[in-house]
Each structure stands twice: as C-alpha cells, then as structure tokens.
Amino acid sequence: MSATPNLPADDQITVEIDGQPYKARKGQMIIEVTDANGISVPRFCYHSKLPIAANCRMCLVQVEKAPKPLPACATPIADGMKIQTQSDYARKAQKAVMEFLLINHPLDCPICDQGGECELQDLALGYGRDVSRFAETKRVVKDKNIGPLISTCMTRCIHCTRCVRFLDVIAGQKELGGTGRGENVEIGTYVERAIESEMSGNVIDVCPVGALTSKPFQYTARAWELQQTPSVAPHDCVGSNLYLHSRRGEVMRAVPRDNEELNEVWLSDRDRFAYQGLAHAERLTQPQRKLNGQWGTALATI
C-alpha cells in the first residue's frame, strides 16, 4: 500500500528516514509513515485502529535537533524532518525501555498461552538483554475475574491500555480502566464484575502480552500446532472474515481475519467462541421431535 495515495501537492511533504527520502501526508505520525513504507519500529501500546496513548515508549526514535528520543507513534512529521530508527542512539533508547518492561514481567513463557505469538516475547529477542540487572522481587498483581470468556494474568500486564481503549472507543463500553498510581497501577474493572460487551474477545487479540487470553482455549494447544483455515463468520449477519485454527481435524479456536471493508480486524464474541458447539456432547446431529412427552428422530416420524 502506498504511503501517498494521490496526495494533493499542498498536502504532501518529504521526510528522511534512515537516510532515505519518503513522501508523506502532512499531519501523519512518524510510525504511520514507517509502517506504510515497510520500516520496522517496535511498539506495544500503538495500534492502527485505536487512539494514540504513547505510554509504552518502545517506539522511541532519533529525530534531528531533538534533545531526546521521541515516540514515533505520537510525533507528527514535518517537512524536511530527519529521522533515525536504527541508529545507536535510537536502539539504546529502545533497549532501555525493554529492560524496564521486563523488570516485573514473570518468566512463565513455557506455561503462557500467548507463547509463540507474544509481541513482548518477539521484541525481547531483538531488544532485550541476556542477563537482567535487577535482582529485586518482581511485582505481583492479583488476577481479575472478568467473565467466562477471558482469562487474566495481570502480573504480565505492561499497562499498554490497548484493552481499555478498545472497549471505550471501538466497543463503546468503558468497562476496563487503570486504577492506582506508579507501581500500584492495575488494569481492571472499576467494580468486581464481568465484562458485558459482545465484542469483549477482541481484547485477547490486542493484548501484546499474555495478560488477557482466551479462557475456553486455555491450555489446549500451542500456536505452532494449529492449522489455519480461512472462513466466514456464521452468526453476525455481516460475513465477517475469520480464521479457524484446528489440530488433527478438531477446531480449537476462531480468530479474526483482516478485511477493511467488513470487520476490519475485529470479531464478535458469538463468532469467536461458537466453535465450542461443533463437537459438543449435547449438539443435535439430526432433527428431533417431541411426541407424547418423548423425544425422537423427526425423520423417522416423517
């Protein structure tokens, strides 16, 4: 996808990223330009479909004449701006942020359901240290019970607030938020209750760590064991695109498939979790009829 699709001349500016000039639209953030041109910038809190929060600071880059590294997700471009995403200065800042994020993060990748598809795990490989300099006790946060669909392990949470912004802006129900200050900040519901949104399962997808995972899918399979098959949602009357993940012929979970014209990157809870009925012991496989208080096969009666 082009970064400058038929831009008017007065709305087009030129920026230099890693020594290469790029055309961009006035008012764009640095990370939007880098994404459009295939330039990799690490991030946790930034999501193209959500409002900008700029609270993880993982996307720090070097901008000429700036006195300190700037977050690419919240820094608008200017004509002639010179940006370095791979310089020693930028990499040092990104690695420092990663070191702070890992101070309290538990080392439970072998038992974490997000293992193998975790953004923190992926970026820690490129930006993390081999040995931690912090020997203090890690922070522990009590897990929240937010319903039968979403499993929580809030000790893993890095406070990116993607889940908070999704429920507030996309789902339209502000059911999660941050309480406390400093190291006492916790993401959760303001009162102890389940999330009621019919789109709540999307917080599983936007969570960049294993803090929010699928409760029905929990401890059943690993990402690399699953075979992915494109499909269409049967319940939402829109035809949302999705992927069915299966193992040895059994559907293990459903996840959204990107389609900007239909469901973008979202999926309703009914389509996300209805797969559990496919092989359920109580599923009807033949039409039934009730006669004189007794259930029987309708086809036999006909």
Protein backbone atom coordinates (compact mmCIF):
# COMPACT_ATOMS: atom_id res chain seq x y z
CA MET A 1 0.00 0.00 0.00
CA SER A 2 1.38 3.38 -0.97
CA ALA A 3 2.09 5.90 1.76
CA THR A 4 0.96 8.73 -0.50
CA PRO A 5 -2.15 7.68 -2.45
CA ASN A 6 -2.80 10.60 -4.82
CA LEU A 7 -1.90 13.28 -2.30
CA PRO A 8 -2.54 16.91 -3.31
CA ALA A 9 0.66 18.89 -3.76
CA ASP A 10 -0.09 21.20 -0.83
CA ASP A 11 -0.73 18.23 1.49
CA GLN A 12 2.47 16.37 0.62
CA ILE A 13 5.76 16.74 2.43
CA THR A 14 9.10 14.95 2.35
CA VAL A 15 10.81 13.34 5.32
CA GLU A 16 14.08 11.48 5.56
CA ILE A 17 14.07 8.16 7.41
CA ASP A 18 17.34 6.26 7.87
CA GLY A 19 18.89 8.34 5.09
CA GLN A 20 16.11 7.71 2.54
CA PRO A 21 13.56 10.36 1.45
CA TYR A 22 9.85 9.48 1.65
CA LYS A 23 6.71 11.31 0.61
CA ALA A 24 4.08 11.58 3.34
CA ARG A 25 0.88 13.37 4.26
CA LYS A 26 1.03 16.44 6.43
CA GLY A 27 -0.04 15.64 9.99
CA GLN A 28 0.88 11.94 9.91
CA MET A 29 2.75 10.43 12.84
CA ILE A 30 6.24 9.04 12.26
CA ILE A 31 5.09 5.46 12.91
CA GLU A 32 2.38 5.74 10.22
CA VAL A 33 4.99 6.71 7.65
CA THR A 34 7.40 3.95 8.68
CA ASP A 35 4.63 1.33 8.61
CA ALA A 36 3.47 2.45 5.18
CA ASN A 37 7.00 2.08 3.82
CA GLY A 38 7.88 -1.22 5.47
CA ILE A 39 10.27 0.24 8.05
CA SER A 40 10.22 -1.71 11.30
CA VAL A 41 9.67 0.27 14.51
CA PRO A 42 8.98 -1.70 17.73
CA ARG A 43 5.77 -0.89 19.63
CA PHE A 44 3.39 -2.18 22.28
CA CYS A 45 0.74 0.44 23.01
CA TYR A 46 0.32 1.67 19.41
CA HIS A 47 -2.44 0.04 17.34
CA SER A 48 -3.51 1.42 13.98
CA LYS A 49 -7.21 1.13 14.88
CA LEU A 50 -7.00 2.68 18.36
CA PRO A 51 -6.39 6.21 19.68
CA ILE A 52 -2.77 7.05 20.43
CA ALA A 53 -1.68 6.65 24.05
CA ALA A 54 2.13 6.85 23.79
CA ASN A 55 2.63 5.21 27.18
CA CYS A 56 4.88 2.23 26.42
CA ARG A 57 7.69 4.34 24.83
CA MET A 58 9.00 1.32 22.94
CA CYS A 59 8.83 3.19 19.62
CA LEU A 60 11.42 5.83 20.58
CA VAL A 61 13.37 7.12 17.57
CA GLN A 62 16.07 9.72 17.00
CA VAL A 63 14.93 12.97 15.38
CA GLU A 64 17.50 15.52 14.24
CA LYS A 65 17.79 18.55 16.57
CA ALA A 66 15.50 16.96 19.16
CA PRO A 67 17.11 16.98 22.64
CA LYS A 68 15.88 13.48 23.48
CA PRO A 69 14.43 10.41 21.71
CA LEU A 70 10.80 10.89 20.64
CA PRO A 71 7.92 8.35 20.48
CA ALA A 72 7.21 7.62 16.82
CA CYS A 73 3.52 7.00 17.50
CA ALA A 74 2.90 10.49 18.93
CA THR A 75 5.32 12.68 16.98
CA PRO A 76 3.84 14.35 13.87
CA ILE A 77 6.13 14.68 10.89
CA ALA A 78 7.36 17.99 9.49
CA ASP A 79 8.74 18.85 6.09
CA GLY A 80 12.44 18.03 5.91
CA MET A 81 12.44 16.11 9.20
CA LYS A 82 15.35 13.68 9.52
CA ILE A 83 14.60 10.51 11.50
CA GLN A 84 16.81 7.62 12.53
CA THR A 85 15.12 4.38 13.60
CA GLN A 86 18.18 2.11 13.62
CA SER A 87 20.91 4.43 14.95
CA ASP A 88 22.86 3.51 18.09
CA TYR A 89 21.08 6.36 19.91
CA ALA A 90 17.60 5.04 19.00
CA ARG A 91 18.50 1.40 19.67
CA LYS A 92 19.93 2.28 23.07
CA ALA A 93 16.69 4.07 24.00
CA GLN A 94 14.54 1.14 22.78
CA LYS A 95 16.64 -1.39 24.67
CA ALA A 96 16.42 0.69 27.84
CA VAL A 97 12.62 0.71 27.59
CA MET A 98 12.59 -3.05 27.03
CA GLU A 99 14.76 -3.53 30.12
CA PHE A 100 12.27 -1.59 32.24
CA LEU A 101 9.31 -3.53 30.82
CA LEU A 102 10.95 -6.82 31.75
CA ILE A 103 11.75 -5.82 35.35
CA ASN A 104 8.42 -7.10 36.67
CA HIS A 105 7.37 -9.40 33.85
CA PRO A 106 7.24 -13.04 35.03
CA LEU A 107 9.39 -15.63 33.26
CA ASP A 108 6.50 -18.01 32.56
CA CYS A 109 6.71 -18.31 28.76
CA PRO A 110 6.59 -22.15 28.92
CA ILE A 111 3.11 -22.07 30.54
CA CYS A 112 1.77 -18.87 28.98
CA ASP A 113 -0.97 -19.32 26.37
CA GLN A 114 0.44 -16.36 24.43
CA GLY A 115 3.79 -18.15 23.98
CA GLY A 116 4.70 -18.27 20.31
CA GLU A 117 2.50 -15.30 19.36
CA CYS A 118 3.52 -12.79 22.03
CA GLU A 119 4.72 -9.36 20.91
CA LEU A 120 6.80 -8.89 24.07
CA GLN A 121 8.47 -12.26 23.53
CA ASP A 122 9.28 -11.40 19.91
CA LEU A 123 10.71 -7.95 20.67
CA ALA A 124 12.62 -9.15 23.73
CA LEU A 125 14.63 -11.35 21.38
CA GLY A 126 15.88 -8.31 19.46
CA TYR A 127 15.91 -5.62 22.15
CA GLY A 128 16.29 -7.47 25.48
CA ARG A 129 19.43 -8.14 27.49
CA ASP A 130 20.73 -11.65 28.02
CA VAL A 131 21.01 -11.08 31.80
CA SER A 132 18.81 -8.83 33.93
CA ARG A 133 20.49 -6.24 36.13
CA PHE A 134 17.55 -6.27 38.55
CA ALA A 135 17.57 -8.84 41.32
CA GLU A 136 14.69 -7.45 43.39
CA THR A 137 11.41 -9.31 43.91
CA LYS A 138 9.04 -8.97 40.97
CA ARG A 139 5.71 -7.18 41.35
CA VAL A 140 2.68 -9.47 41.65
CA VAL A 141 -0.87 -8.44 40.75
CA LYS A 142 -3.97 -10.37 41.69
CA ASP A 143 -5.83 -11.83 38.71
CA LYS A 144 -9.26 -10.44 37.88
CA ASN A 145 -12.43 -12.45 37.21
CA ILE A 146 -13.95 -10.61 34.24
CA GLY A 147 -16.16 -13.38 32.90
CA PRO A 148 -16.21 -16.87 31.36
CA LEU A 149 -14.51 -15.87 28.09
CA ILE A 150 -11.35 -14.01 29.08
CA SER A 151 -8.65 -15.43 31.31
CA THR A 152 -6.46 -12.91 33.15
CA CYS A 153 -2.90 -12.99 34.41
CA MET A 154 -2.43 -9.36 35.35
CA THR A 155 1.12 -9.81 36.65
CA ARG A 156 2.10 -9.97 32.97
CA CYS A 157 0.34 -6.70 32.12
CA ILE A 158 2.63 -3.91 30.82
CA HIS A 159 -0.08 -1.21 31.01
CA CYS A 160 -0.24 -0.55 27.27
CA THR A 161 -4.01 0.23 27.73
CA ARG A 162 -4.95 -1.30 24.36
CA CYS A 163 -7.79 -3.22 26.03
CA VAL A 164 -9.02 -0.06 27.78
CA ARG A 165 -9.04 1.95 24.55
CA PHE A 166 -10.69 -0.84 22.55
CA LEU A 167 -13.63 -1.22 24.92
CA ASP A 168 -14.04 2.56 25.21
CA VAL A 169 -13.69 3.59 21.57
CA ILE A 170 -14.50 0.55 19.41
CA ALA A 171 -16.90 -1.48 21.56
CA GLY A 172 -18.43 1.68 23.04
CA GLN A 173 -18.48 0.39 26.63
CA LYS A 174 -15.85 1.73 29.04
CA GLU A 175 -15.60 -1.39 31.18
CA LEU A 176 -11.86 -1.52 31.84
CA GLY A 177 -9.57 1.16 33.21
CA GLY A 178 -6.47 1.82 35.24
CA THR A 179 -6.61 2.34 38.99
CA GLY A 180 -3.75 3.33 41.29
CA ARG A 181 -0.59 5.32 40.69
CA GLY A 182 3.02 4.47 39.94
CA GLU A 183 3.88 0.82 40.53
CA ASN A 184 0.41 0.30 42.03
CA VAL A 185 -1.39 0.83 38.72
CA GLU A 186 -3.68 -2.08 37.83
CA ILE A 187 -5.89 -2.62 34.79
CA GLY A 188 -9.31 -3.98 35.65
CA THR A 189 -12.98 -3.23 36.12
CA TYR A 190 -13.82 -0.41 38.50
CA VAL A 191 -16.11 -2.74 40.47
CA GLU A 192 -15.82 -6.52 40.61
CA ARG A 193 -17.96 -7.72 37.72
CA ALA A 194 -17.76 -9.46 34.36
CA ILE A 195 -17.31 -7.60 31.08
CA GLU A 196 -20.66 -7.39 29.31
CA SER A 197 -19.60 -6.24 25.83
CA GLU A 198 -20.45 -8.57 22.94
CA MET A 199 -17.06 -7.63 21.42
CA SER A 200 -15.02 -8.37 24.54
CA GLY A 201 -12.98 -11.17 22.95
CA ASN A 202 -11.06 -8.64 20.87
CA VAL A 203 -9.07 -7.60 23.94
CA ILE A 204 -7.40 -11.02 23.64
CA ASP A 205 -6.11 -10.08 20.19
CA VAL A 206 -4.97 -6.55 21.04
CA CYS A 207 -3.15 -7.56 24.24
CA PRO A 208 0.57 -7.66 23.33
CA VAL A 209 1.42 -9.98 26.24
CA GLY A 210 -0.29 -12.92 27.95
CA ALA A 211 -2.29 -10.80 30.41
CA LEU A 212 -5.59 -11.43 28.59
CA THR A 213 -6.08 -14.81 26.91
CA SER A 214 -8.98 -16.98 25.78
CA LYS A 215 -10.43 -18.92 28.72
CA PRO A 216 -12.09 -21.68 26.60
CA PHE A 217 -8.85 -22.16 24.61
CA GLN A 218 -6.60 -22.04 27.66
CA TYR A 219 -4.03 -24.88 27.96
CA THR A 220 -5.41 -26.80 24.96
CA ALA A 221 -2.88 -26.15 22.17
CA ARG A 222 0.13 -24.14 21.09
CA ALA A 223 0.08 -21.70 18.19
CA TRP A 224 2.58 -23.70 16.13
CA GLU A 225 0.48 -26.88 16.42
CA LEU A 226 -2.54 -25.34 14.71
CA GLN A 227 -3.54 -25.39 11.06
CA GLN A 228 -5.12 -22.16 9.85
CA THR A 229 -8.14 -22.19 7.51
CA PRO A 230 -9.88 -19.04 6.21
CA SER A 231 -13.63 -18.93 6.84
CA VAL A 232 -16.61 -16.59 7.21
CA ALA A 233 -18.50 -15.76 10.41
CA PRO A 234 -21.86 -17.61 10.52
CA HIS A 235 -23.58 -15.55 13.21
CA ASP A 236 -23.14 -11.78 12.79
CA CYS A 237 -25.12 -11.36 9.52
CA VAL A 238 -22.22 -9.34 8.10
CA GLY A 239 -19.99 -12.13 6.90
CA SER A 240 -17.01 -11.11 8.99
CA ASN A 241 -13.84 -12.81 7.83
CA LEU A 242 -12.15 -15.16 10.27
CA TYR A 243 -9.62 -17.96 10.55
CA LEU A 244 -10.42 -21.33 12.08
CA HIS A 245 -7.47 -22.91 13.85
CA SER A 246 -7.62 -26.69 14.02
CA ARG A 247 -5.49 -29.59 15.21
CA ARG A 248 -5.96 -33.12 13.92
CA GLY A 249 -9.36 -32.22 12.46
CA GLU A 250 -10.71 -30.57 15.62
CA VAL A 251 -11.45 -26.82 15.60
CA MET A 252 -9.58 -25.32 18.56
CA ARG A 253 -10.36 -21.60 18.18
CA ALA A 254 -11.55 -18.84 15.84
CA VAL A 255 -9.69 -15.57 15.30
CA PRO A 256 -10.44 -12.53 13.09
CA ARG A 257 -9.10 -12.24 9.55
CA ASP A 258 -8.31 -8.73 8.30
CA ASN A 259 -10.88 -7.29 5.90
CA GLU A 260 -11.10 -3.49 5.85
CA GLU A 261 -14.46 -3.49 4.04
CA LEU A 262 -16.25 -5.76 6.53
CA ASN A 263 -14.89 -6.38 10.01
CA GLU A 264 -11.50 -4.63 9.80
CA VAL A 265 -9.58 -6.63 12.46
CA TRP A 266 -12.44 -7.31 14.89
CA LEU A 267 -14.77 -10.24 15.60
CA SER A 268 -17.90 -10.62 17.71
CA ASP A 269 -17.85 -12.92 20.74
CA ARG A 270 -20.55 -15.14 19.25
CA ASP A 271 -18.42 -15.92 16.21
CA ARG A 272 -15.21 -16.15 18.21
CA PHE A 273 -16.45 -18.70 20.77
CA ALA A 274 -19.29 -20.54 18.98
CA TYR A 275 -16.83 -23.19 17.72
CA GLN A 276 -17.24 -24.92 21.10
CA GLY A 277 -20.62 -26.20 19.96
CA LEU A 278 -19.22 -28.03 16.91
CA ALA A 279 -18.17 -31.16 18.80
CA HIS A 280 -20.19 -30.65 21.97
CA ALA A 281 -21.72 -33.77 23.50
CA GLU A 282 -25.18 -32.16 23.57
CA ARG A 283 -25.15 -30.96 19.97
CA LEU A 284 -28.06 -32.24 17.87
CA THR A 285 -26.89 -34.03 14.75
CA GLN A 286 -30.38 -34.96 13.47
CA PRO A 287 -33.77 -33.14 13.52
CA GLN A 288 -35.72 -34.03 16.66
CA ARG A 289 -39.45 -34.05 17.50
CA LYS A 290 -41.34 -34.39 20.76
CA LEU A 291 -44.38 -36.68 20.76
CA ASN A 292 -46.32 -37.63 23.88
CA GLY A 293 -43.60 -36.20 26.05
CA GLN A 294 -40.89 -38.27 24.38
CA TRP A 295 -38.09 -37.03 22.13
CA GLY A 296 -37.44 -38.96 18.93
CA THR A 297 -35.93 -38.57 15.47
CA ALA A 298 -38.13 -36.34 13.34
CA LEU A 299 -37.13 -38.06 10.11
CA ALA A 300 -38.32 -41.42 11.43
CA THR A 301 -41.73 -39.88 12.22
CA ILE A 302 -41.98 -38.30 8.77
